[in-house]
Amino acid sequence: MGWIYVLMTISFTAIGQLLFKWHLNQVGPMPSTPGGVLVFLIQQLFSAPIILGFFSAFVAALSWMAALTKFQLNFIYPFMSLCFPLTMILSGFLLGEELNLSKIVGTAVVLLGLFILTR
């Protein structure tokens, strides 16, 4: 069951980031004045995708707490690096963000590093 918690942490972390970015793509650019930035960000707090993104982060945190009861931190923490490739790939497919060769190679290096760390 411990690996389910790790998978849930990674998945809900990525989902939250995708929800944030999707919504912020819809509302347009952030103002450049300090007061405008604060008002803009506070307004976003009341939108459904942002609320769901925070809820997703909360579920990820709860899952992480559960995972920590099953594994040593120095063993499972490197698995958090899987959030990066999952979010990158999903942002390419779901948000239309650029996926180029250098990002794919960089992701492969991260995954190779994770493999080495867990041996």
Protein backbone atom coordinates (compact mmCIF):
# COMPACT_ATOMS: atom_id res chain seq x y z
CA MET A 1 0.00 0.00 0.00
CA GLY A 2 2.97 2.33 0.56
CA TRP A 3 3.66 2.65 -3.17
CA ILE A 4 0.03 3.66 -3.76
CA TYR A 5 0.61 6.62 -1.42
CA VAL A 6 3.75 7.63 -3.32
CA LEU A 7 1.88 7.35 -6.64
CA MET A 8 -1.00 9.40 -5.26
CA THR A 9 1.43 12.08 -4.06
CA ILE A 10 3.06 12.36 -7.47
CA SER A 11 -0.25 12.27 -9.35
CA PHE A 12 -2.07 14.82 -7.21
CA THR A 13 0.94 17.14 -7.23
CA ALA A 14 0.96 17.10 -11.04
CA ILE A 15 -2.82 17.50 -11.27
CA GLY A 16 -2.72 20.55 -9.01
CA GLN A 17 -0.02 22.20 -11.12
CA LEU A 18 -1.94 21.50 -14.32
CA LEU A 19 -5.12 22.97 -12.86
CA PHE A 20 -3.29 26.13 -11.78
CA LYS A 21 -1.64 26.61 -15.17
CA TRP A 22 -4.80 25.82 -17.16
CA HIS A 23 -6.80 28.40 -15.23
CA LEU A 24 -4.08 31.06 -15.40
CA ASN A 25 -3.83 30.55 -19.16
CA GLN A 26 -7.56 31.34 -19.34
CA VAL A 27 -7.46 34.59 -17.33
CA GLY A 28 -4.58 36.23 -19.17
CA PRO A 29 -1.44 38.00 -18.04
CA MET A 30 -0.85 39.21 -14.53
CA PRO A 31 -0.69 43.02 -14.05
CA SER A 32 2.75 44.55 -13.64
CA THR A 33 2.04 46.85 -10.69
CA PRO A 34 2.58 45.48 -7.17
CA GLY A 35 -0.98 46.29 -6.11
CA GLY A 36 -2.34 44.83 -9.33
CA VAL A 37 -0.41 41.60 -8.78
CA LEU A 38 -1.84 41.19 -5.29
CA VAL A 39 -5.43 41.89 -6.40
CA PHE A 40 -5.03 39.55 -9.38
CA LEU A 41 -3.73 36.67 -7.26
CA ILE A 42 -6.38 37.11 -4.58
CA GLN A 43 -9.11 37.13 -7.24
CA GLN A 44 -7.81 33.83 -8.59
CA LEU A 45 -8.17 32.18 -5.18
CA PHE A 46 -11.94 32.10 -5.63
CA SER A 47 -12.00 30.26 -8.97
CA ALA A 48 -12.96 26.60 -9.09
CA PRO A 49 -9.77 25.35 -10.83
CA ILE A 50 -7.54 27.08 -8.28
CA ILE A 51 -9.59 25.72 -5.37
CA LEU A 52 -9.37 22.25 -6.93
CA GLY A 53 -5.63 22.72 -7.41
CA PHE A 54 -5.19 23.53 -3.71
CA PHE A 55 -7.39 20.57 -2.80
CA SER A 56 -5.21 18.38 -5.02
CA ALA A 57 -2.10 19.67 -3.23
CA PHE A 58 -3.77 18.91 0.11
CA VAL A 59 -4.54 15.33 -0.98
CA ALA A 60 -0.94 15.02 -2.18
CA ALA A 61 0.30 16.18 1.23
CA LEU A 62 -1.91 13.67 3.03
CA SER A 63 -0.71 10.91 0.71
CA TRP A 64 2.88 11.93 1.34
CA MET A 65 2.34 11.75 5.09
CA ALA A 66 0.95 8.22 4.66
CA ALA A 67 3.92 7.27 2.44
CA LEU A 68 6.34 8.52 5.08
CA THR A 69 4.92 5.97 7.52
CA LYS A 70 5.88 3.16 5.13
CA PHE A 71 9.34 4.16 3.85
CA GLN A 72 12.50 5.95 4.90
CA LEU A 73 12.53 9.55 3.67
CA ASN A 74 15.94 9.21 2.04
CA PHE A 75 14.58 6.32 -0.03
CA ILE A 76 11.25 7.74 -1.23
CA TYR A 77 12.06 11.45 -1.54
CA PRO A 78 13.87 10.99 -4.87
CA PHE A 79 10.59 9.64 -6.28
CA MET A 80 9.20 13.16 -5.97
CA SER A 81 11.38 13.93 -8.99
CA LEU A 82 8.78 12.00 -11.02
CA CYS A 83 6.47 15.00 -10.63
CA PHE A 84 8.65 16.90 -13.09
CA PRO A 85 8.44 14.52 -16.07
CA LEU A 86 4.77 13.70 -15.44
CA THR A 87 3.82 17.38 -15.29
CA MET A 88 5.96 18.21 -18.32
CA ILE A 89 4.48 15.45 -20.47
CA LEU A 90 0.91 16.18 -19.41
CA SER A 91 1.37 19.92 -19.96
CA GLY A 92 2.51 19.14 -23.49
CA PHE A 93 -0.53 17.00 -24.24
CA LEU A 94 -3.20 18.83 -22.24
CA LEU A 95 -2.03 22.45 -22.40
CA GLY A 96 -0.21 22.43 -25.72
CA GLU A 97 3.11 23.44 -24.16
CA GLU A 98 6.30 22.77 -26.07
CA LEU A 99 7.93 19.35 -25.73
CA ASN A 100 11.30 19.43 -27.48
CA LEU A 101 14.30 17.14 -27.65
CA SER A 102 16.25 18.91 -24.90
CA LYS A 103 13.32 18.57 -22.47
CA ILE A 104 12.95 14.89 -23.33
CA VAL A 105 16.70 14.26 -22.87
CA GLY A 106 16.70 16.22 -19.59
CA THR A 107 13.77 14.14 -18.37
CA ALA A 108 15.60 10.96 -19.29
CA VAL A 109 18.58 12.15 -17.22
CA VAL A 110 16.28 12.79 -14.23
CA LEU A 111 14.81 9.30 -14.59
CA LEU A 112 18.28 7.78 -14.91
CA GLY A 113 19.30 9.62 -11.74
CA LEU A 114 16.25 8.25 -9.94
CA PHE A 115 17.14 4.74 -11.07
CA ILE A 116 20.71 5.14 -9.77
CA LEU A 117 19.53 6.60 -6.44
CA THR A 118 17.19 3.69 -5.75
CA ARG A 119 19.81 0.98 -6.32
